[in-house]
Amino acid sequence: MKRHDETVVSESIAASLDANSTNQHLNELVLNSSDVEEFLRELARVSARSLSEPGDEILCGITLLRHRKAATVASSSAAAQALDEIQYTFGDGPCVTASREQETVHIRDLEDCGRWPQYAATVRGHGVRSILALPFLLDGDTRAALNLYSHRSGRFDGRSMDLARNFVSQASLALRLAVRFAHYSDTAAN
């Protein structure tokens, strides 16, 4: 029975992340946000809500990499912010790598993570078992990634990975639009 319930939940998530509704919702976020930071904060919250399942809250942060320095510019919660900042103390981690290298970083189970052993041990201490970091496709030198954390091992396999990739693809378009609007608004104000 549990497998059936998980399938129903996954299908309901898929329905909520349908490409058209996602795109429409993200465009509305851009238009209703007063600035890029507000858009990013809401994007982190929407990402976490959309990808969470009953009993498995996904935590979401957005890492921005500028001038080789990483910072969390938005998060779904204080816990997500803290998880992002842990890797900054180590100088590297999945989210920084996803931003810098513009590649998806998927850690299925932090127990088996050999790439960042100290970071993995620290984050495991917070109960996190799996991480997915997906780069946004932005213009210019700005690099950013959507960071997803789960307390469940293997959480971002299969359909969840596809949904997250689709979401980031749609969000990348909306984020580029938000940045352009902000640039044009600043230009008009000057």
Protein backbone atom coordinates (compact mmCIF):
# COMPACT_ATOMS: atom_id res chain seq x y z
CA MET A 1 0.00 0.00 0.00
CA LYS A 2 2.85 2.41 0.78
CA ARG A 3 4.23 2.17 -2.79
CA HIS A 4 0.78 3.08 -4.18
CA ASP A 5 0.59 6.13 -1.88
CA GLU A 6 4.06 7.26 -3.01
CA THR A 7 2.98 6.93 -6.66
CA VAL A 8 -0.17 8.98 -6.06
CA VAL A 9 1.88 11.67 -4.30
CA SER A 10 4.45 11.72 -7.12
CA GLU A 11 1.67 12.04 -9.70
CA SER A 12 0.10 14.93 -7.79
CA ILE A 13 3.47 16.66 -7.66
CA ALA A 14 3.89 16.08 -11.38
CA ALA A 15 0.50 17.66 -11.98
CA SER A 16 1.42 20.68 -9.86
CA LEU A 17 4.69 21.07 -11.76
CA ASP A 18 3.17 20.77 -15.23
CA ALA A 19 5.27 22.94 -17.56
CA ASN A 20 2.48 25.34 -18.51
CA SER A 21 1.29 25.99 -14.96
CA THR A 22 4.88 26.30 -13.72
CA ASN A 23 5.76 28.77 -16.43
CA GLN A 24 2.61 30.80 -15.82
CA HIS A 25 3.19 30.84 -12.05
CA LEU A 26 6.84 31.90 -12.43
CA ASN A 27 5.90 34.67 -14.87
CA GLU A 28 3.32 35.94 -12.37
CA LEU A 29 6.02 35.85 -9.67
CA VAL A 30 8.26 38.04 -11.84
CA LEU A 31 5.49 40.54 -12.53
CA ASN A 32 4.30 40.68 -8.91
CA SER A 33 7.74 40.95 -7.28
CA SER A 34 9.04 44.39 -6.40
CA ASP A 35 12.66 43.37 -7.02
CA VAL A 36 14.88 40.40 -7.91
CA GLU A 37 15.51 39.50 -4.25
CA GLU A 38 11.80 39.21 -3.54
CA PHE A 39 11.41 37.05 -6.66
CA LEU A 40 14.23 34.75 -5.50
CA ARG A 41 12.82 34.42 -1.98
CA GLU A 42 9.45 33.42 -3.37
CA LEU A 43 11.10 31.12 -5.93
CA ALA A 44 12.87 29.27 -3.10
CA ARG A 45 9.61 28.89 -1.19
CA VAL A 46 7.69 27.72 -4.27
CA SER A 47 10.45 25.26 -5.16
CA ALA A 48 10.42 23.73 -1.69
CA ARG A 49 6.62 23.54 -1.57
CA SER A 50 6.30 22.12 -5.08
CA LEU A 51 8.89 19.38 -4.58
CA SER A 52 7.96 18.42 -1.00
CA GLU A 53 5.86 15.38 -0.22
CA PRO A 54 3.85 14.57 2.91
CA GLY A 55 6.36 13.60 5.60
CA ASP A 56 9.35 14.75 3.51
CA GLU A 57 9.80 18.50 3.49
CA ILE A 58 12.34 19.63 0.92
CA LEU A 59 14.56 22.52 1.96
CA CYS A 60 15.65 24.92 -0.75
CA GLY A 61 18.34 27.55 -1.05
CA ILE A 62 19.58 29.60 -3.97
CA THR A 63 23.33 30.12 -4.18
CA LEU A 64 24.67 33.05 -6.14
CA LEU A 65 28.30 33.02 -7.21
CA ARG A 66 29.78 36.42 -8.03
CA HIS A 67 33.44 37.31 -8.20
CA ARG A 68 34.28 33.76 -7.01
CA LYS A 69 32.41 34.30 -3.74
CA ALA A 70 29.29 32.28 -2.93
CA ALA A 71 26.31 33.51 -0.96
CA THR A 72 22.78 32.32 -0.33
CA VAL A 73 20.52 34.98 -1.77
CA ALA A 74 17.24 33.26 -0.91
CA SER A 75 16.01 30.24 1.01
CA SER A 76 12.78 28.47 1.86
CA SER A 77 13.63 28.55 5.58
CA ALA A 78 16.32 29.38 8.11
CA ALA A 79 17.31 25.68 8.09
CA ALA A 80 17.89 25.79 4.32
CA GLN A 81 19.97 28.96 4.71
CA ALA A 82 22.10 27.27 7.39
CA LEU A 83 22.69 24.20 5.20
CA ASP A 84 23.89 26.37 2.31
CA GLU A 85 26.20 28.33 4.58
CA ILE A 86 27.86 25.17 5.91
CA GLN A 87 29.48 24.58 2.55
CA TYR A 88 30.73 28.16 2.36
CA THR A 89 32.71 27.57 5.55
CA PHE A 90 34.42 24.64 3.77
CA GLY A 91 34.95 26.73 0.63
CA ASP A 92 33.28 24.17 -1.62
CA GLY A 93 30.35 21.81 -1.83
CA PRO A 94 27.63 20.62 -4.17
CA CYS A 95 25.86 23.97 -4.52
CA VAL A 96 29.03 25.96 -5.10
CA THR A 97 30.16 23.38 -7.64
CA ALA A 98 26.80 23.44 -9.44
CA SER A 99 26.99 27.24 -9.67
CA ARG A 100 30.65 27.42 -10.65
CA GLU A 101 30.79 24.50 -13.09
CA GLN A 102 27.23 24.88 -14.40
CA GLU A 103 26.60 21.18 -13.84
CA THR A 104 24.03 19.24 -11.87
CA VAL A 105 25.35 17.73 -8.64
CA HIS A 106 23.32 14.85 -7.24
CA ILE A 107 24.24 13.20 -3.97
CA ARG A 108 21.93 10.24 -3.62
CA ASP A 109 23.11 9.41 -0.10
CA LEU A 110 25.51 11.50 1.97
CA GLU A 111 26.72 8.27 3.64
CA ASP A 112 28.44 7.43 0.34
CA CYS A 113 29.75 10.93 -0.49
CA GLY A 114 33.51 10.81 -0.96
CA ARG A 115 33.91 14.14 -2.74
CA TRP A 116 33.36 16.43 0.27
CA PRO A 117 33.76 14.17 3.33
CA GLN A 118 33.89 16.88 6.02
CA TYR A 119 31.00 18.79 4.49
CA ALA A 120 28.97 15.57 4.10
CA ALA A 121 29.56 14.59 7.73
CA THR A 122 28.52 18.04 8.97
CA VAL A 123 25.34 18.14 6.88
CA ARG A 124 24.46 14.55 7.88
CA GLY A 125 24.62 15.82 11.46
CA HIS A 126 21.64 18.02 10.54
CA GLY A 127 19.71 14.96 9.36
CA VAL A 128 20.15 15.57 5.62
CA ARG A 129 20.59 12.42 3.54
CA SER A 130 20.36 13.59 -0.09
CA ILE A 131 21.14 16.76 -2.04
CA LEU A 132 20.39 17.98 -5.53
CA ALA A 133 22.03 21.17 -6.80
CA LEU A 134 20.94 22.42 -10.21
CA PRO A 135 22.48 25.38 -12.02
CA PHE A 136 20.36 28.18 -13.39
CA LEU A 137 21.09 29.08 -17.01
CA LEU A 138 21.76 32.81 -16.78
CA ASP A 139 23.30 35.46 -19.00
CA GLY A 140 26.80 36.89 -18.52
CA ASP A 141 29.15 36.00 -15.69
CA THR A 142 26.52 35.55 -13.00
CA ARG A 143 26.23 31.95 -11.77
CA ALA A 144 23.53 30.55 -9.53
CA ALA A 145 22.11 27.21 -8.42
CA LEU A 146 18.95 25.88 -6.83
CA ASN A 147 19.90 23.72 -3.85
CA LEU A 148 17.51 21.02 -2.65
CA TYR A 149 17.97 19.08 0.59
CA SER A 150 16.05 16.04 1.84
CA HIS A 151 16.14 14.00 5.02
CA ARG A 152 15.49 10.90 2.89
CA SER A 153 18.14 8.94 1.02
CA GLY A 154 17.58 8.65 -2.74
CA ARG A 155 14.94 11.38 -2.66
CA PHE A 156 15.92 12.97 -5.97
CA ASP A 157 15.95 9.86 -8.13
CA GLY A 158 13.95 9.31 -11.31
CA ARG A 159 10.81 11.38 -11.58
CA SER A 160 11.83 13.81 -8.81
CA MET A 161 15.04 14.60 -10.72
CA ASP A 162 13.08 15.20 -13.93
CA LEU A 163 10.61 17.45 -12.13
CA ALA A 164 13.40 19.46 -10.50
CA ARG A 165 15.25 19.87 -13.82
CA ASN A 166 12.08 21.04 -15.54
CA PHE A 167 11.38 23.45 -12.70
CA VAL A 168 14.91 24.94 -12.87
CA SER A 169 14.69 25.25 -16.65
CA GLN A 170 11.46 27.21 -16.35
CA ALA A 171 12.81 29.21 -13.39
CA SER A 172 15.95 30.12 -15.37
CA LEU A 173 13.82 31.82 -17.99
CA ALA A 174 11.83 33.68 -15.35
CA LEU A 175 15.00 34.68 -13.48
CA ARG A 176 16.61 36.09 -16.64
CA LEU A 177 13.42 38.06 -17.21
CA ALA A 178 13.43 39.36 -13.61
CA VAL A 179 17.07 40.46 -13.92
CA ARG A 180 16.34 42.25 -17.21
CA PHE A 181 13.32 44.02 -15.68
CA ALA A 182 15.47 45.12 -12.74
CA HIS A 183 18.17 46.39 -15.12
CA TYR A 184 15.64 48.36 -17.20
CA SER A 185 14.03 49.78 -14.05
CA ASP A 186 17.44 50.95 -12.76
CA THR A 187 18.26 52.46 -16.15
CA ALA A 188 14.91 54.29 -16.29
CA ALA A 189 15.37 55.60 -12.73
CA ASN A 190 18.77 57.06 -13.68
